[in-house]
Protein backbone atom coordinates (compact mmCIF):
# COMPACT_ATOMS: atom_id res chain seq x y z
CA MET A 1 -13.59 -16.44 -28.78
CA SER A 2 -15.50 -19.64 -29.84
CA PHE A 3 -12.71 -20.58 -32.11
CA CYS A 4 -10.18 -20.28 -29.22
CA PHE A 5 -12.48 -22.59 -27.02
CA ILE A 6 -12.71 -25.15 -29.95
CA GLU A 7 -8.87 -24.95 -30.37
CA ASP A 8 -8.26 -25.62 -26.67
CA HIS A 9 -10.73 -28.60 -26.45
CA ARG A 10 -10.21 -30.14 -29.80
CA ASP A 11 -8.38 -33.04 -28.17
CA ALA A 12 -11.29 -33.89 -25.90
CA TYR A 13 -14.29 -33.47 -28.23
CA PRO A 14 -14.79 -33.67 -32.09
CA VAL A 15 -14.54 -30.31 -33.75
CA ARG A 16 -17.65 -30.79 -35.78
CA LEU A 17 -19.66 -31.28 -32.58
CA MET A 18 -18.23 -28.34 -30.88
CA CYS A 19 -18.85 -26.25 -33.92
CA GLU A 20 -22.53 -27.33 -33.99
CA VAL A 21 -23.08 -26.73 -30.02
CA LEU A 22 -21.42 -23.09 -30.34
CA GLU A 23 -23.33 -22.31 -33.63
CA VAL A 24 -20.19 -21.80 -35.62
CA SER A 25 -19.32 -23.02 -39.03
CA SER A 26 -16.44 -25.70 -39.26
CA ALA A 27 -15.10 -24.12 -42.26
CA GLY A 28 -14.84 -20.77 -40.43
CA TYR A 29 -13.00 -22.56 -37.75
CA HIS A 30 -10.45 -24.13 -40.21
CA ALA A 31 -10.05 -20.94 -41.90
CA TRP A 32 -9.29 -19.18 -38.64
CA ARG A 33 -6.55 -21.81 -37.76
CA LYS A 34 -4.88 -21.30 -41.26
CA ARG A 35 -4.94 -17.44 -40.74
CA PRO A 36 -1.61 -15.79 -39.96
CA VAL A 37 -1.06 -14.10 -36.44
CA SER A 38 -2.31 -10.65 -36.66
CA GLU A 39 0.43 -7.76 -36.24
CA ARG A 40 -1.29 -6.57 -33.11
CA ALA A 41 -1.08 -10.05 -31.53
CA THR A 42 2.58 -10.39 -32.24
CA THR A 43 3.40 -6.90 -30.99
CA ASN A 44 1.31 -7.80 -27.72
CA THR A 45 3.35 -10.85 -27.22
CA THR A 46 6.73 -8.93 -27.56
CA LEU A 47 5.33 -6.21 -25.24
CA LEU A 48 4.00 -8.63 -22.62
CA ALA A 49 7.65 -10.36 -22.56
CA GLU A 50 9.17 -6.81 -22.14
CA ILE A 51 6.47 -5.89 -19.25
CA ARG A 52 7.49 -9.10 -17.60
CA ASP A 53 11.18 -8.45 -17.94
CA VAL A 54 10.82 -4.88 -16.26
CA HIS A 55 8.44 -6.23 -13.73
CA GLN A 56 10.83 -9.09 -12.74
CA GLY A 57 13.83 -6.75 -12.81
CA SER A 58 12.14 -4.57 -10.17
CA GLY A 59 11.51 -7.38 -7.96
CA GLY A 60 7.77 -7.24 -8.68
CA ARG A 61 7.55 -3.69 -7.20
CA TYR A 62 6.75 -1.74 -10.41
CA GLY A 63 3.27 -1.00 -11.46
CA SER A 64 2.06 0.34 -14.90
CA PRO A 65 3.31 3.87 -14.31
CA ARG A 66 6.88 2.89 -13.55
CA ILE A 67 6.75 0.11 -16.27
CA HIS A 68 5.50 2.56 -18.83
CA ALA A 69 8.29 4.92 -17.92
CA ALA A 70 10.87 2.23 -18.03
CA LEU A 71 9.83 1.00 -21.51
CA GLN A 72 9.84 4.60 -22.65
CA ALA A 73 13.38 5.02 -21.47
CA GLN A 74 14.18 1.86 -23.51
CA GLY A 75 12.64 3.43 -26.62
CA ARG A 76 9.71 1.03 -26.62
CA GLY A 77 6.36 3.17 -27.70
CA ALA A 78 3.29 1.96 -25.86
CA SER A 79 0.53 3.69 -24.09
CA ARG A 80 0.16 3.41 -20.35
CA GLY A 81 -3.37 2.38 -20.77
CA ARG A 82 -2.38 -0.53 -23.09
CA ILE A 83 0.33 -1.63 -20.69
CA GLU A 84 -2.13 -1.38 -17.73
CA ARG A 85 -4.72 -3.59 -19.59
CA MET A 86 -2.23 -6.11 -20.69
CA MET A 87 -0.79 -6.34 -17.06
CA GLN A 88 -4.38 -6.73 -15.66
CA ARG A 89 -5.22 -9.32 -18.26
CA HIS A 90 -2.24 -11.39 -17.41
CA GLY A 91 -2.36 -10.98 -13.63
CA ILE A 92 0.88 -8.80 -13.27
CA ARG A 93 0.61 -6.73 -10.11
CA ALA A 94 2.96 -4.62 -8.17
CA LEU A 95 3.78 -5.69 -4.67
CA VAL A 96 2.34 -3.13 -2.18
CA ALA A 97 4.30 -2.60 0.99
CA ARG A 98 2.17 -2.53 4.08
CA PRO A 99 2.46 0.99 5.93
CA ARG A 100 4.78 1.07 8.62
CA ARG A 101 3.25 2.03 11.82
CA VAL A 102 4.58 2.72 15.23
CA ARG A 103 2.79 1.14 18.13
CA THR A 104 2.51 3.62 20.94
CA THR A 105 -0.27 1.88 23.00
CA ASP A 106 -0.47 -1.68 24.53
CA SER A 107 -3.95 -2.01 25.42
CA ARG A 108 -3.47 -5.77 26.18
CA HIS A 109 -2.45 -5.61 29.85
CA ASP A 110 -3.72 -6.25 33.40
CA LEU A 111 -2.23 -2.91 34.81
CA PRO A 112 -4.82 -0.83 36.47
CA ILE A 113 -6.20 2.16 34.47
CA ALA A 114 -6.17 5.61 35.95
CA PRO A 115 -9.52 7.28 36.36
CA ASN A 116 -10.50 10.31 34.26
CA LEU A 117 -10.61 13.20 36.78
CA ILE A 118 -11.27 15.93 34.50
CA GLY A 119 -14.44 14.41 32.91
CA ARG A 120 -14.07 16.61 29.82
CA ASP A 121 -14.03 19.90 31.85
CA PHE A 122 -11.21 21.68 30.43
CA THR A 123 -11.17 24.62 32.64
CA ALA A 124 -9.10 25.48 35.60
CA GLU A 125 -9.52 28.18 38.20
CA ALA A 126 -5.82 28.79 38.71
CA PRO A 127 -2.42 28.04 37.58
CA ASN A 128 -0.61 24.54 38.44
CA ARG A 129 -4.01 22.98 39.46
CA VAL A 130 -4.50 20.73 36.29
CA TRP A 131 -1.76 19.52 34.04
CA LEU A 132 -2.50 17.47 30.95
CA ALA A 133 0.16 15.27 29.28
CA ASP A 134 0.43 13.72 25.90
CA ILE A 135 3.16 11.75 24.06
CA THR A 136 3.68 12.03 20.21
CA TYR A 137 6.22 10.80 17.91
CA VAL A 138 8.11 12.37 14.92
CA PRO A 139 9.83 10.48 12.05
CA THR A 140 13.32 11.80 11.42
CA ALA A 141 16.20 10.67 9.17
CA GLU A 142 17.80 8.92 12.20
CA GLY A 143 14.63 7.13 13.39
CA TRP A 144 11.64 8.11 15.52
CA LEU A 145 11.78 10.80 17.97
CA TYR A 146 9.37 10.79 20.86
CA LEU A 147 8.12 13.73 22.67
CA ALA A 148 6.35 13.97 25.99
CA ALA A 149 4.82 17.17 27.02
CA LEU A 150 2.84 18.45 30.10
CA ILE A 151 0.43 21.51 29.66
CA ASP A 152 -0.97 23.86 32.32
CA LEU A 153 -4.67 23.66 31.71
CA PHE A 154 -5.22 27.15 33.19
CA SER A 155 -2.49 29.13 31.02
CA ARG A 156 -2.31 26.63 28.11
CA LYS A 157 1.37 26.65 28.09
CA ILE A 158 3.81 23.86 28.13
CA VAL A 159 5.23 23.42 31.67
CA GLY A 160 7.66 20.54 31.11
CA TRP A 161 8.75 18.31 28.10
CA CYS A 162 11.21 15.57 27.23
CA MET A 163 12.54 14.07 24.02
CA ARG A 164 14.02 10.58 23.73
CA ASP A 165 14.63 8.01 21.10
CA HIS A 166 12.56 5.53 22.94
CA MET A 167 9.05 5.52 24.72
CA ARG A 168 9.84 4.08 28.17
CA ALA A 169 8.67 5.41 31.45
CA GLU A 170 11.71 7.60 31.59
CA LEU A 171 10.33 9.58 29.03
CA ALA A 172 7.14 10.65 30.84
CA THR A 173 9.02 10.83 34.30
CA SER A 174 11.53 13.13 32.72
CA ALA A 175 8.82 15.55 31.37
CA LEU A 176 7.03 15.59 34.81
CA THR A 177 10.25 16.20 36.81
CA MET A 178 10.99 19.28 34.52
CA ALA A 179 7.45 20.69 34.97
CA ILE A 180 7.87 20.28 38.79
CA GLN A 181 11.28 21.77 38.88
CA LYS A 182 10.03 24.77 36.66
CA GLN A 183 6.98 25.49 38.94
């Protein structure tokens, strides 16, 4: 590590001065410079180039597990941990897609908010006195499916429902119309 620092800064400072400050011998530094590159260092250099190729080929989306699998498919033997360490050391990271979330509530409005008439008392004395409603969404192969349902609090049965590919007012009013017609 000290020899690498000396090598990087030898144009700015005298080698002998840096060796004294870092408490290493200048003979050791010169011997280190003449030493051939180790086999591990050369394989790391080629492995890093292959990791970068696979990473760029994936558009930056592959992390260490997929890069490891791709390199194994190419016949390149390297452990996943080694690939992970090299990626971390050289700042190679996979792009992470943000989760897709559907916004079902718009709380930024000036419309009046309906009062809570139930007050967390989920009991009813007779049928058709208290109806509860909710809207949910279900992911399908063709997109999102929105479902509005009304439940009779006394019998706990669904009295009206509606499904659409959108979540406009028609969804809720159609469920309410069904519930009124059935009762």
